[in-house]
Amino acid sequence: MREFIYDSWNSVMDAERNPLRHIPSLQVRHMIMQILAWMWCCTFAQLIGSWYIFGFTAFAHLVVIGAIAITVTTFEVAKKKPHIFENGFRGPGGEHE
């Protein structure tokens, strides 16, 4: 039973295993997963009839997805343009620009 639950979860939530894996762009796959997350958030809020809960869960999803997006973006920039981080975000004169 534990393996069934694990496999079921991964078949939906793991972008390398769900049908979205066929979309070549990671950004597009991520955006589609975000839209689906919001759709399910709205669906569950309607099912229980509470917009208060919807607001809380929508905000919580936004915070988590935003944190993930910032992390992925930072990692991609570090991989493709590592020189951006060399000066500690200071300009040529040592000041922020």
PDB file of N, CA and C in Angstrom:
ATOM      1  N   MET A   1       0.825  -1.192   0.000  1.00  0.00           N
ATOM      2  CA  MET A   1       0.000   0.000   0.000  1.00  0.00           C
ATOM      3  C   MET A   1       0.876   1.265   0.000  1.00  0.00           C
ATOM      4  N   ARG A   2       1.937   1.222   0.792  1.00  0.00           N
ATOM      5  CA  ARG A   2       2.836   2.378   0.874  1.00  0.00           C
ATOM      6  C   ARG A   2       3.464   2.674  -0.493  1.00  0.00           C
ATOM      7  N   GLU A   3       3.881   1.621  -1.196  1.00  0.00           N
ATOM      8  CA  GLU A   3       4.477   1.780  -2.515  1.00  0.00           C
ATOM      9  C   GLU A   3       3.462   2.319  -3.517  1.00  0.00           C
ATOM     10  N   PHE A   4       2.209   1.873  -3.421  1.00  0.00           N
ATOM     11  CA  PHE A   4       1.152   2.366  -4.298  1.00  0.00           C
ATOM     12  C   PHE A   4       0.956   3.868  -4.096  1.00  0.00           C
ATOM     13  N   ILE A   5       0.899   4.301  -2.849  1.00  0.00           N
ATOM     14  CA  ILE A   5       0.722   5.730  -2.548  1.00  0.00           C
ATOM     15  C   ILE A   5       1.919   6.524  -3.066  1.00  0.00           C
ATOM     16  N   TYR A   6       3.106   6.018  -2.835  1.00  0.00           N
ATOM     17  CA  TYR A   6       4.326   6.682  -3.299  1.00  0.00           C
ATOM     18  C   TYR A   6       4.340   6.812  -4.826  1.00  0.00           C
ATOM     19  N   ASP A   7       4.038   5.725  -5.519  1.00  0.00           N
ATOM     20  CA  ASP A   7       4.010   5.745  -6.982  1.00  0.00           C
ATOM     21  C   ASP A   7       2.900   6.646  -7.516  1.00  0.00           C
ATOM     22  N   SER A   8       1.755   6.637  -6.864  1.00  0.00           N
ATOM     23  CA  SER A   8       0.640   7.498  -7.288  1.00  0.00           C
ATOM     24  C   SER A   8       1.014   8.964  -7.147  1.00  0.00           C
ATOM     25  N   TRP A   9       1.630   9.313  -6.022  1.00  0.00           N
ATOM     26  CA  TRP A   9       2.059  10.690  -5.786  1.00  0.00           C
ATOM     27  C   TRP A   9       3.057  11.121  -6.868  1.00  0.00           C
ATOM     28  N   ASN A  10       4.060  10.308  -7.107  1.00  0.00           N
ATOM     29  CA  ASN A  10       5.093  10.663  -8.080  1.00  0.00           C
ATOM     30  C   ASN A  10       4.561  10.716  -9.507  1.00  0.00           C
ATOM     31  N   SER A  11       3.567   9.909  -9.826  1.00  0.00           N
ATOM     32  CA  SER A  11       3.025   9.929 -11.189  1.00  0.00           C
ATOM     33  C   SER A  11       2.329  11.252 -11.502  1.00  0.00           C
ATOM     34  N   VAL A  12       1.935  11.984 -10.468  1.00  0.00           N
ATOM     35  CA  VAL A  12       1.289  13.279 -10.668  1.00  0.00           C
ATOM     36  C   VAL A  12       2.267  14.419 -10.385  1.00  0.00           C
ATOM     37  N   MET A  13       2.994  14.345  -9.295  1.00  0.00           N
ATOM     38  CA  MET A  13       3.783  15.480  -8.814  1.00  0.00           C
ATOM     39  C   MET A  13       5.210  15.547  -9.352  1.00  0.00           C
ATOM     40  N   ASP A  14       5.749  14.470  -9.841  1.00  0.00           N
ATOM     41  CA  ASP A  14       7.120  14.458 -10.347  1.00  0.00           C
ATOM     42  C   ASP A  14       7.117  14.802 -11.834  1.00  0.00           C
ATOM     43  N   ALA A  15       7.690  15.951 -12.156  1.00  0.00           N
ATOM     44  CA  ALA A  15       7.677  16.427 -13.549  1.00  0.00           C
ATOM     45  C   ALA A  15       8.480  15.527 -14.482  1.00  0.00           C
ATOM     46  N   GLU A  16       9.320  14.676 -13.930  1.00  0.00           N
ATOM     47  CA  GLU A  16      10.066  13.735 -14.759  1.00  0.00           C
ATOM     48  C   GLU A  16       9.276  12.464 -15.041  1.00  0.00           C
ATOM     49  N   ARG A  17       8.160  12.267 -14.334  1.00  0.00           N
ATOM     50  CA  ARG A  17       7.374  11.044 -14.511  1.00  0.00           C
ATOM     51  C   ARG A  17       5.967  11.295 -15.045  1.00  0.00           C
ATOM     52  N   ASN A  18       5.412  12.478 -14.806  1.00  0.00           N
ATOM     53  CA  ASN A  18       4.052  12.729 -15.285  1.00  0.00           C
ATOM     54  C   ASN A  18       4.072  13.065 -16.783  1.00  0.00           C
ATOM     55  N   PRO A  19       2.914  13.121 -17.429  1.00  0.00           N
ATOM     56  CA  PRO A  19       2.873  13.364 -18.875  1.00  0.00           C
ATOM     57  C   PRO A  19       3.472  14.706 -19.323  1.00  0.00           C
ATOM     58  N   LEU A  20       3.639  15.648 -18.407  1.00  0.00           N
ATOM     59  CA  LEU A  20       4.249  16.921 -18.787  1.00  0.00           C
ATOM     60  C   LEU A  20       5.720  16.770 -19.141  1.00  0.00           C
ATOM     61  N   ARG A  21       6.329  15.634 -18.838  1.00  0.00           N
ATOM     62  CA  ARG A  21       7.744  15.403 -19.147  1.00  0.00           C
ATOM     63  C   ARG A  21       8.014  15.492 -20.650  1.00  0.00           C
ATOM     64  N   HIS A  22       6.970  15.373 -21.451  1.00  0.00           N
ATOM     65  CA  HIS A  22       7.141  15.428 -22.904  1.00  0.00           C
ATOM     66  C   HIS A  22       7.278  16.859 -23.419  1.00  0.00           C
ATOM     67  N   ILE A  23       6.976  17.841 -22.573  1.00  0.00           N
ATOM     68  CA  ILE A  23       7.154  19.245 -22.953  1.00  0.00           C
ATOM     69  C   ILE A  23       8.623  19.586 -22.738  1.00  0.00           C
ATOM     70  N   PRO A  24       9.321  20.018 -23.767  1.00  0.00           N
ATOM     71  CA  PRO A  24      10.767  20.235 -23.632  1.00  0.00           C
ATOM     72  C   PRO A  24      11.155  21.381 -22.700  1.00  0.00           C
ATOM     73  N   SER A  25      10.341  22.410 -22.605  1.00  0.00           N
ATOM     74  CA  SER A  25      10.697  23.585 -21.811  1.00  0.00           C
ATOM     75  C   SER A  25      10.341  23.377 -20.332  1.00  0.00           C
ATOM     76  N   LEU A  26      11.364  23.453 -19.479  1.00  0.00           N
ATOM     77  CA  LEU A  26      11.140  23.319 -18.040  1.00  0.00           C
ATOM     78  C   LEU A  26      10.254  24.445 -17.513  1.00  0.00           C
ATOM     79  N   GLN A  27      10.423  25.650 -18.041  1.00  0.00           N
ATOM     80  CA  GLN A  27       9.628  26.790 -17.599  1.00  0.00           C
ATOM     81  C   GLN A  27       8.146  26.583 -17.911  1.00  0.00           C
ATOM     82  N   VAL A  28       7.850  26.054 -19.086  1.00  0.00           N
ATOM     83  CA  VAL A  28       6.452  25.813 -19.469  1.00  0.00           C
ATOM     84  C   VAL A  28       5.851  24.728 -18.567  1.00  0.00           C
ATOM     85  N   ARG A  29       6.613  23.658 -18.331  1.00  0.00           N
ATOM     86  CA  ARG A  29       6.131  22.598 -17.435  1.00  0.00           C
ATOM     87  C   ARG A  29       5.846  23.160 -16.042  1.00  0.00           C
ATOM     88  N   HIS A  30       6.750  23.996 -15.547  1.00  0.00           N
ATOM     89  CA  HIS A  30       6.579  24.601 -14.221  1.00  0.00           C
ATOM     90  C   HIS A  30       5.319  25.468 -14.180  1.00  0.00           C
ATOM     91  N   MET A  31       5.115  26.273 -15.206  1.00  0.00           N
ATOM     92  CA  MET A  31       3.935  27.141 -15.254  1.00  0.00           C
ATOM     93  C   MET A  31       2.649  26.314 -15.293  1.00  0.00           C
ATOM     94  N   ILE A  32       2.629  25.259 -16.060  1.00  0.00           N
ATOM     95  CA  ILE A  32       1.440  24.405 -16.128  1.00  0.00           C
ATOM     96  C   ILE A  32       1.169  23.772 -14.770  1.00  0.00           C
ATOM     97  N   MET A  33       2.214  23.327 -14.080  1.00  0.00           N
ATOM     98  CA  MET A  33       2.030  22.759 -12.738  1.00  0.00           C
ATOM     99  C   MET A  33       1.488  23.819 -11.772  1.00  0.00           C
ATOM    100  N   GLN A  34       1.931  25.067 -11.916  1.00  0.00           N
ATOM    101  CA  GLN A  34       1.405  26.139 -11.073  1.00  0.00           C
ATOM    102  C   GLN A  34      -0.082  26.356 -11.338  1.00  0.00           C
ATOM    103  N   ILE A  35      -0.456  26.389 -12.602  1.00  0.00           N
ATOM    104  CA  ILE A  35      -1.868  26.591 -12.960  1.00  0.00           C
ATOM    105  C   ILE A  35      -2.714  25.448 -12.422  1.00  0.00           C
ATOM    106  N   LEU A  36      -2.216  24.225 -12.554  1.00  0.00           N
ATOM    107  CA  LEU A  36      -2.960  23.079 -12.014  1.00  0.00           C
ATOM    108  C   LEU A  36      -3.075  23.160 -10.488  1.00  0.00           C
ATOM    109  N   ALA A  37      -2.023  23.604  -9.819  1.00  0.00           N
ATOM    110  CA  ALA A  37      -2.069  23.744  -8.365  1.00  0.00           C
ATOM    111  C   ALA A  37      -3.137  24.750  -7.953  1.00  0.00           C
ATOM    112  N   TRP A  38      -3.192  25.886  -8.653  1.00  0.00           N
ATOM    113  CA  TRP A  38      -4.210  26.888  -8.348  1.00  0.00           C
ATOM    114  C   TRP A  38      -5.618  26.350  -8.637  1.00  0.00           C
ATOM    115  N   MET A  39      -5.756  25.610  -9.716  1.00  0.00           N
ATOM    116  CA  MET A  39      -7.060  25.037 -10.050  1.00  0.00           C
ATOM    117  C   MET A  39      -7.534  24.116  -8.923  1.00  0.00           C
ATOM    118  N   TRP A  40      -6.640  23.252  -8.431  1.00  0.00           N
ATOM    119  CA  TRP A  40      -7.026  22.332  -7.359  1.00  0.00           C
ATOM    120  C   TRP A  40      -7.276  23.070  -6.050  1.00  0.00           C
ATOM    121  N   CYS A  41      -6.538  24.123  -5.825  1.00  0.00           N
ATOM    122  CA  CYS A  41      -6.776  24.954  -4.642  1.00  0.00           C
ATOM    123  C   CYS A  41      -8.194  25.536  -4.685  1.00  0.00           C
ATOM    124  N   CYS A  42      -8.580  26.063  -5.839  1.00  0.00           N
ATOM    125  CA  CYS A  42      -9.940  26.605  -6.021  1.00  0.00           C
ATOM    126  C   CYS A  42     -10.989  25.504  -5.897  1.00  0.00           C
ATOM    127  N   THR A  43     -10.709  24.346  -6.469  1.00  0.00           N
ATOM    128  CA  THR A  43     -11.664  23.238  -6.421  1.00  0.00           C
ATOM    129  C   THR A  43     -11.931  22.798  -4.989  1.00  0.00           C
ATOM    130  N   PHE A  44     -10.883  22.615  -4.210  1.00  0.00           N
ATOM    131  CA  PHE A  44     -11.079  22.190  -2.820  1.00  0.00           C
ATOM    132  C   PHE A  44     -11.778  23.270  -1.995  1.00  0.00           C
ATOM    133  N   ALA A  45     -11.479  24.531  -2.285  1.00  0.00           N
ATOM    134  CA  ALA A  45     -12.171  25.609  -1.574  1.00  0.00           C
ATOM    135  C   ALA A  45     -13.671  25.585  -1.882  1.00  0.00           C
ATOM    136  N   GLN A  46     -14.022  25.324  -3.127  1.00  0.00           N
ATOM    137  CA  GLN A  46     -15.437  25.230  -3.498  1.00  0.00           C
ATOM    138  C   GLN A  46     -16.100  24.022  -2.837  1.00  0.00           C
ATOM    139  N   LEU A  47     -15.379  22.926  -2.779  1.00  0.00           N
ATOM    140  CA  LEU A  47     -15.942  21.721  -2.187  1.00  0.00           C
ATOM    141  C   LEU A  47     -16.283  21.913  -0.711  1.00  0.00           C
ATOM    142  N   ILE A  48     -15.440  22.609   0.003  1.00  0.00           N
ATOM    143  CA  ILE A  48     -15.731  22.807   1.420  1.00  0.00           C
ATOM    144  C   ILE A  48     -16.491  24.107   1.672  1.00  0.00           C
ATOM    145  N   GLY A  49     -16.656  24.900   0.636  1.00  0.00           N
ATOM    146  CA  GLY A  49     -17.473  26.099   0.732  1.00  0.00           C
ATOM    147  C   GLY A  49     -16.866  27.211   1.563  1.00  0.00           C
ATOM    148  N   SER A  50     -15.566  27.286   1.608  1.00  0.00           N
ATOM    149  CA  SER A  50     -14.938  28.301   2.450  1.00  0.00           C
ATOM    150  C   SER A  50     -13.928  29.113   1.651  1.00  0.00           C
ATOM    151  N   TRP A  51     -14.252  30.367   1.415  1.00  0.00           N
ATOM    152  CA  TRP A  51     -13.319  31.234   0.714  1.00  0.00           C
ATOM    153  C   TRP A  51     -12.190  31.679   1.621  1.00  0.00           C
ATOM    154  N   TYR A  52     -12.407  31.628   2.924  1.00  0.00           N
ATOM    155  CA  TYR A  52     -11.338  31.939   3.869  1.00  0.00           C
ATOM    156  C   TYR A  52     -10.212  30.922   3.704  1.00  0.00           C
ATOM    157  N   ILE A  53     -10.567  29.667   3.649  1.00  0.00           N
ATOM    158  CA  ILE A  53      -9.572  28.614   3.462  1.00  0.00           C
ATOM    159  C   ILE A  53      -8.915  28.763   2.102  1.00  0.00           C
ATOM    160  N   PHE A  54      -9.714  29.127   1.091  1.00  0.00           N
ATOM    161  CA  PHE A  54      -9.129  29.338  -0.238  1.00  0.00           C
ATOM    162  C   PHE A  54      -8.056  30.417  -0.179  1.00  0.00           C
ATOM    163  N   GLY A  55      -8.365  31.522   0.477  1.00  0.00           N
ATOM    164  CA  GLY A  55      -7.395  32.614   0.580  1.00  0.00           C
ATOM    165  C   GLY A  55      -6.114  32.176   1.267  1.00  0.00           C
ATOM    166  N   PHE A  56      -6.247  31.429   2.342  1.00  0.00           N
ATOM    167  CA  PHE A  56      -5.078  30.939   3.068  1.00  0.00           C
ATOM    168  C   PHE A  56      -4.249  29.986   2.218  1.00  0.00           C
ATOM    169  N   THR A  57      -4.918  29.012   1.601  1.00  0.00           N
ATOM    170  CA  THR A  57      -4.169  28.033   0.807  1.00  0.00           C
ATOM    171  C   THR A  57      -3.597  28.666  -0.466  1.00  0.00           C
ATOM    172  N   ALA A  58      -4.332  29.617  -1.052  1.00  0.00           N
ATOM    173  CA  ALA A  58      -3.813  30.301  -2.240  1.00  0.00           C
ATOM    174  C   ALA A  58      -2.545  31.076  -1.888  1.00  0.00           C
ATOM    175  N   PHE A  59      -2.574  31.764  -0.762  1.00  0.00           N
ATOM    176  CA  PHE A  59      -1.397  32.513  -0.316  1.00  0.00           C
ATOM    177  C   PHE A  59      -0.239  31.564  -0.009  1.00  0.00           C
ATOM    178  N   ALA A  60      -0.533  30.468   0.671  1.00  0.00           N
ATOM    179  CA  ALA A  60       0.505  29.491   1.007  1.00  0.00           C
ATOM    180  C   ALA A  60       1.125  28.907  -0.265  1.00  0.00           C
ATOM    181  N   HIS A  61       0.293  28.574  -1.258  1.00  0.00           N
ATOM    182  CA  HIS A  61       0.814  28.062  -2.526  1.00  0.00           C
ATOM    183  C   HIS A  61       1.699  29.120  -3.208  1.00  0.00           C
ATOM    184  N   LEU A  62       1.244  30.358  -3.188  1.00  0.00           N
ATOM    185  CA  LEU A  62       1.995  31.441  -3.814  1.00  0.00           C
ATOM    186  C   LEU A  62       3.374  31.586  -3.177  1.00  0.00           C
ATOM    187  N   VAL A  63       3.431  31.534  -1.860  1.00  0.00           N
ATOM    188  CA  VAL A  63       4.711  31.673  -1.158  1.00  0.00           C
ATOM    189  C   VAL A  63       5.651  30.516  -1.505  1.00  0.00           C
ATOM    190  N   VAL A  64       5.140  29.292  -1.449  1.00  0.00           N
ATOM    191  CA  VAL A  64       5.984  28.122  -1.726  1.00  0.00           C
ATOM    192  C   VAL A  64       6.435  28.106  -3.184  1.00  0.00           C
ATOM    193  N   ILE A  65       5.514  28.331  -4.099  1.00  0.00           N
ATOM    194  CA  ILE A  65       5.864  28.321  -5.525  1.00  0.00           C
ATOM    195  C   ILE A  65       6.822  29.462  -5.845  1.00  0.00           C
ATOM    196  N   GLY A  66       6.587  30.627  -5.236  1.00  0.00           N
ATOM    197  CA  GLY A  66       7.499  31.754  -5.441  1.00  0.00           C
ATOM    198  C   GLY A  66       8.902  31.452  -4.949  1.00  0.00           C
ATOM    199  N   ALA A  67       9.010  30.833  -3.774  1.00  0.00           N
ATOM    200  CA  ALA A  67      10.323  30.479  -3.233  1.00  0.00           C
ATOM    201  C   ALA A  67      11.030  29.479  -4.137  1.00  0.00           C
ATOM    202  N   ILE A  68      10.289  28.515  -4.646  1.00  0.00           N
ATOM    203  CA  ILE A  68      10.874  27.533  -5.562  1.00  0.00           C
ATOM    204  C   ILE A  68      11.339  28.222  -6.843  1.00  0.00           C
ATOM    205  N   ALA A  69      10.521  29.113  -7.389  1.00  0.00           N
ATOM    206  CA  ALA A  69      10.876  29.812  -8.628  1.00  0.00           C
ATOM    207  C   ALA A  69      12.125  30.672  -8.442  1.00  0.00           C
ATOM    208  N   ILE A  70      12.223  31.361  -7.316  1.00  0.00           N
ATOM    209  CA  ILE A  70      13.405  32.187  -7.049  1.00  0.00           C
ATOM    210  C   ILE A  70      14.652  31.312  -6.932  1.00  0.00           C
ATOM    211  N   THR A  71      14.514  30.176  -6.258  1.00  0.00           N
ATOM    212  CA  THR A  71      15.645  29.263  -6.110  1.00  0.00           C
ATOM    213  C   THR A  71      16.094  28.712  -7.454  1.00  0.00           C
ATOM    214  N   VAL A  72      15.151  28.255  -8.262  1.00  0.00           N
ATOM    215  CA  VAL A  72      15.495  27.706  -9.581  1.00  0.00           C
ATOM    216  C   VAL A  72      16.146  28.779 -10.444  1.00  0.00           C
ATOM    217  N   THR A  73      15.603  29.981 -10.427  1.00  0.00           N
ATOM    218  CA  THR A  73      16.172  31.073 -11.215  1.00  0.00           C
ATOM    219  C   THR A  73      17.593  31.389 -10.763  1.00  0.00           C
ATOM    220  N   THR A  74      17.804  31.450  -9.447  1.00  0.00           N
ATOM    221  CA  THR A  74      19.140  31.714  -8.924  1.00  0.00           C
ATOM    222  C   THR A  74      20.124  30.636  -9.349  1.00  0.00           C
ATOM    223  N   PHE A  75      19.715  29.381  -9.261  1.00  0.00           N
ATOM    224  CA  PHE A  75      20.583  28.282  -9.678  1.00  0.00           C
ATOM    225  C   PHE A  75      20.902  28.367 -11.167  1.00  0.00           C
ATOM    226  N   GLU A  76      19.921  28.687 -11.990  1.00  0.00           N
ATOM    227  CA  GLU A  76      20.147  28.776 -13.437  1.00  0.00           C
ATOM    228  C   GLU A  76      21.096  29.924 -13.776  1.00  0.00           C
ATOM    229  N   VAL A  77      20.911  31.066 -13.109  1.00  0.00           N
ATOM    230  CA  VAL A  77      21.810  32.199 -13.349  1.00  0.00           C
ATOM    231  C   VAL A  77      23.222  31.839 -12.909  1.00  0.00           C
ATOM    232  N   ALA A  78      23.349  31.170 -11.767  1.00  0.00           N
ATOM    233  CA  ALA A  78      24.679  30.773 -11.281  1.00  0.00           C
ATOM    234  C   ALA A  78      25.344  29.802 -12.245  1.00  0.00           C
ATOM    235  N   LYS A  79      24.550  28.947 -12.884  1.00  0.00           N
ATOM    236  CA  LYS A  79      25.107  27.976 -13.819  1.00  0.00           C
ATOM    237  C   LYS A  79      25.525  28.641 -15.132  1.00  0.00           C
ATOM    238  N   LYS A  80      24.698  29.570 -15.638  1.00  0.00           N
ATOM    239  CA  LYS A  80      24.943  30.161 -16.949  1.00  0.00           C
ATOM    240  C   LYS A  80      25.796  31.428 -16.905  1.00  0.00           C
ATOM    241  N   LYS A  81      25.657  32.223 -15.819  1.00  0.00           N
ATOM    242  CA  LYS A  81      26.384  33.484 -15.712  1.00  0.00           C
ATOM    243  C   LYS A  81      26.972  33.649 -14.315  1.00  0.00           C
ATOM    244  N   PRO A  82      27.917  32.807 -13.919  1.00  0.00           N
ATOM    245  CA  PRO A  82      28.440  32.868 -12.554  1.00  0.00           C
ATOM    246  C   PRO A  82      29.162  34.169 -12.231  1.00  0.00           C
ATOM    247  N   HIS A  83      29.645  34.862 -13.257  1.00  0.00           N
ATOM    248  CA  HIS A  83      30.364  36.113 -13.024  1.00  0.00           C
ATOM    249  C   HIS A  83      29.490  37.182 -12.384  1.00  0.00           C
ATOM    250  N   ILE A  84      28.186  37.071 -12.494  1.00  0.00           N
ATOM    251  CA  ILE A  84      27.271  38.052 -11.898  1.00  0.00           C
ATOM    252  C   ILE A  84      27.446  38.107 -10.384  1.00  0.00           C
ATOM    253  N   PHE A  85      27.796  36.985  -9.783  1.00  0.00           N
ATOM    254  CA  PHE A  85      27.894  36.910  -8.329  1.00  0.00           C
ATOM    255  C   PHE A  85      29.288  37.243  -7.799  1.00  0.00           C
ATOM    256  N   GLU A  86      30.247  37.504  -8.689  1.00  0.00           N
ATOM    257  CA  GLU A  86      31.632  37.690  -8.260  1.00  0.00           C
ATOM    258  C   GLU A  86      31.865  38.941  -7.439  1.00  0.00           C
ATOM    259  N   ASN A  87      31.218  40.047  -7.759  1.00  0.00           N
ATOM    260  CA  ASN A  87      31.473  41.306  -7.062  1.00  0.00           C
ATOM    261  C   ASN A  87      30.526  41.543  -5.889  1.00  0.00           C
ATOM    262  N   GLY A  88      29.744  40.573  -5.546  1.00  0.00           N
ATOM    263  CA  GLY A  88      28.816  40.759  -4.434  1.00  0.00           C
ATOM    264  C   GLY A  88      27.769  41.821  -4.705  1.00  0.00           C
ATOM    265  N   PHE A  89      27.370  42.002  -5.940  1.00  0.00           N
ATOM    266  CA  PHE A  89      26.353  42.958  -6.357  1.00  0.00           C
ATOM    267  C   PHE A  89      26.806  44.403  -6.191  1.00  0.00           C
ATOM    268  N   ARG A  90      28.082  44.652  -6.208  1.00  0.00           N
ATOM    269  CA  ARG A  90      28.594  46.020  -6.099  1.00  0.00           C
ATOM    270  C   ARG A  90      29.094  46.478  -7.457  1.00  0.00           C
ATOM    271  N   GLY A  91      28.984  47.768  -7.680  1.00  0.00           N
ATOM    272  CA  GLY A  91      29.450  48.351  -8.921  1.00  0.00           C
ATOM    273  C   GLY A  91      30.955  48.526  -8.928  1.00  0.00           C
ATOM    274  N   PRO A  92      31.485  49.077 -10.004  1.00  0.00           N
ATOM    275  CA  PRO A  92      32.942  49.256 -10.124  1.00  0.00           C
ATOM    276  C   PRO A  92      33.531  50.113  -9.004  1.00  0.00           C
ATOM    277  N   GLY A  93      32.784  51.083  -8.515  1.00  0.00           N
ATOM    278  CA  GLY A  93      33.278  51.955  -7.445  1.00  0.00           C
ATOM    279  C   GLY A  93      32.994  51.410  -6.060  1.00  0.00           C
ATOM    280  N   GLY A  94      32.449  50.217  -5.963  1.00  0.00           N
ATOM    281  CA  GLY A  94      32.157  49.621  -4.654  1.00  0.00           C
ATOM    282  C   GLY A  94      30.763  49.918  -4.144  1.00  0.00           C
ATOM    283  N   GLU A  95      29.990  50.679  -4.891  1.00  0.00           N
ATOM    284  CA  GLU A  95      28.641  51.029  -4.454  1.00  0.00           C
ATOM    285  C   GLU A  95      27.607  50.182  -5.200  1.00  0.00           C
ATOM    286  N   HIS A  96      26.422  50.110  -4.622  1.00  0.00           N
ATOM    287  CA  HIS A  96      25.332  49.404  -5.284  1.00  0.00           C
ATOM    288  C   HIS A  96      24.904  50.189  -6.525  1.00  0.00           C
ATOM    289  N   GLU A  97      24.576  49.474  -7.560  1.00  0.00           N
ATOM    290  CA  GLU A  97      24.106  50.159  -8.769  1.00  0.00           C
ATOM    291  C   GLU A  97      22.786  49.610  -9.186  1.00  0.00           C
TER     292      GLU A  97
END
